[in-house]
Amino acid sequence: MKKPIRVRILDHEYLIKGDEDEVQVERIARFVNEKFKEVRESTEGLSERKTAILVAFDIASDYLQIMKERDSLLEEVQHRAKMLNDQIDLVTRENDDGKAVKTSS
């Protein structure tokens, strides 16, 4: 585990310990702050706790949508790879079947 990294989220300072490097932790903190800003602008007057819950739902929704898109892309890649393998097998079989067998006389 790396040394703790100090970040600021919603005007509060936090020390974050983890496996991520400092640049990535700061990037995550900026992302979280941007999400808080988006939610606060669209829902005025909520407590910090309720805002945090909405932010968590928003981030989870984004994450699950990306995972769904990733799964769909993975399925498409697997389908295309199977089709290519089937075509390779077909061409290979055709080449094997078309070879003349020489016999010695």
Protein backbone atom coordinates (compact mmCIF):
# COMPACT_ATOMS: atom_id res chain seq x y z
CA MET A 1 0.00 0.00 0.00
CA LYS A 2 1.25 3.44 -0.87
CA LYS A 3 1.49 6.51 1.34
CA PRO A 4 -1.76 8.37 2.10
CA ILE A 5 -2.76 11.02 -0.42
CA ARG A 6 -4.54 14.16 0.73
CA VAL A 7 -7.61 15.12 -1.34
CA ARG A 8 -10.37 17.64 -0.93
CA ILE A 9 -13.97 16.62 -1.55
CA LEU A 10 -16.82 19.01 -0.82
CA ASP A 11 -14.58 21.34 1.16
CA HIS A 12 -13.48 18.48 3.41
CA GLU A 13 -9.97 17.08 3.44
CA TYR A 14 -9.44 13.33 3.37
CA LEU A 15 -6.38 11.11 3.49
CA ILE A 16 -6.79 8.30 0.99
CA LYS A 17 -4.72 5.12 1.28
CA GLY A 18 -4.79 2.61 -1.51
CA ASP A 19 -3.03 0.99 -4.40
CA GLU A 20 -3.73 3.83 -6.83
CA ASP A 21 -1.01 6.33 -7.61
CA GLU A 22 -1.35 10.00 -6.63
CA VAL A 23 -2.39 11.16 -10.11
CA GLN A 24 -5.21 8.62 -10.25
CA VAL A 25 -6.44 9.45 -6.72
CA GLU A 26 -6.52 13.16 -7.59
CA ARG A 27 -8.36 12.36 -10.83
CA ILE A 28 -10.95 10.36 -8.88
CA ALA A 29 -11.36 13.20 -6.37
CA ARG A 30 -11.94 15.69 -9.22
CA PHE A 31 -14.50 13.33 -10.75
CA VAL A 32 -16.36 12.96 -7.44
CA ASN A 33 -16.32 16.74 -6.90
CA GLU A 34 -17.71 17.27 -10.42
CA LYS A 35 -20.51 14.81 -9.70
CA PHE A 36 -21.31 16.64 -6.46
CA LYS A 37 -21.38 19.92 -8.36
CA GLU A 38 -23.76 18.48 -11.00
CA VAL A 39 -26.13 17.07 -8.37
CA ARG A 40 -26.06 20.24 -6.24
CA GLU A 41 -26.89 22.41 -9.26
CA SER A 42 -29.90 20.28 -10.16
CA THR A 43 -31.18 19.70 -6.59
CA GLU A 44 -30.87 22.73 -4.36
CA GLY A 45 -31.40 22.60 -0.63
CA LEU A 46 -30.48 18.97 0.00
CA SER A 47 -28.34 18.01 2.93
CA GLU A 48 -24.79 16.89 2.27
CA ARG A 49 -25.79 13.32 3.17
CA LYS A 50 -28.69 13.22 0.70
CA THR A 51 -26.51 14.80 -1.96
CA ALA A 52 -23.87 12.12 -1.33
CA ILE A 53 -26.49 9.39 -1.76
CA LEU A 54 -27.65 10.90 -5.06
CA VAL A 55 -24.05 11.18 -6.22
CA ALA A 56 -23.45 7.53 -5.31
CA PHE A 57 -26.54 6.52 -7.30
CA ASP A 58 -25.43 8.64 -10.24
CA ILE A 59 -21.94 7.12 -10.26
CA ALA A 60 -23.36 3.60 -9.83
CA SER A 61 -25.78 4.21 -12.70
CA ASP A 62 -22.93 5.37 -14.96
CA TYR A 63 -20.83 2.39 -13.93
CA LEU A 64 -23.59 -0.15 -14.57
CA GLN A 65 -24.35 1.41 -17.97
CA ILE A 66 -20.68 1.17 -18.93
CA MET A 67 -20.56 -2.46 -17.75
CA LYS A 68 -23.65 -3.24 -19.84
CA GLU A 69 -22.03 -1.64 -22.91
CA ARG A 70 -18.78 -3.51 -22.20
CA ASP A 71 -20.64 -6.82 -21.94
CA SER A 72 -22.43 -6.10 -25.21
CA LEU A 73 -19.14 -5.27 -26.96
CA LEU A 74 -17.50 -8.37 -25.52
CA GLU A 75 -20.37 -10.51 -26.79
CA GLU A 76 -20.06 -8.94 -30.24
CA VAL A 77 -16.28 -9.52 -30.31
CA GLN A 78 -16.75 -13.15 -29.25
CA HIS A 79 -19.40 -13.64 -31.95
CA ARG A 80 -17.15 -12.13 -34.63
CA ALA A 81 -14.17 -14.19 -33.47
CA LYS A 82 -16.27 -17.37 -33.71
CA MET A 83 -17.39 -16.42 -37.21
CA LEU A 84 -13.77 -15.80 -38.26
CA ASN A 85 -12.64 -19.10 -36.73
CA ASP A 86 -15.45 -20.90 -38.57
CA GLN A 87 -14.37 -19.27 -41.85
CA ILE A 88 -10.73 -20.22 -41.23
CA ASP A 89 -11.77 -23.81 -40.49
CA LEU A 90 -13.85 -23.91 -43.69
CA VAL A 91 -11.00 -22.60 -45.85
CA THR A 92 -8.55 -24.98 -44.18
CA ARG A 93 -10.85 -27.97 -44.81
CA GLU A 94 -11.40 -26.92 -48.44
CA ASN A 95 -7.64 -26.70 -48.97
CA ASP A 96 -7.10 -30.09 -47.31
CA ASP A 97 -9.88 -31.69 -49.41
CA GLY A 98 -8.58 -30.17 -52.66
CA LYS A 99 -5.05 -31.55 -52.35
CA ALA A 100 -4.16 -34.29 -54.78
CA VAL A 101 -2.60 -37.33 -53.30
CA LYS A 102 0.43 -38.59 -55.26
CA THR A 103 1.00 -42.28 -55.46
CA SER A 104 4.14 -43.92 -56.62
CA SER A 105 3.83 -46.21 -59.62
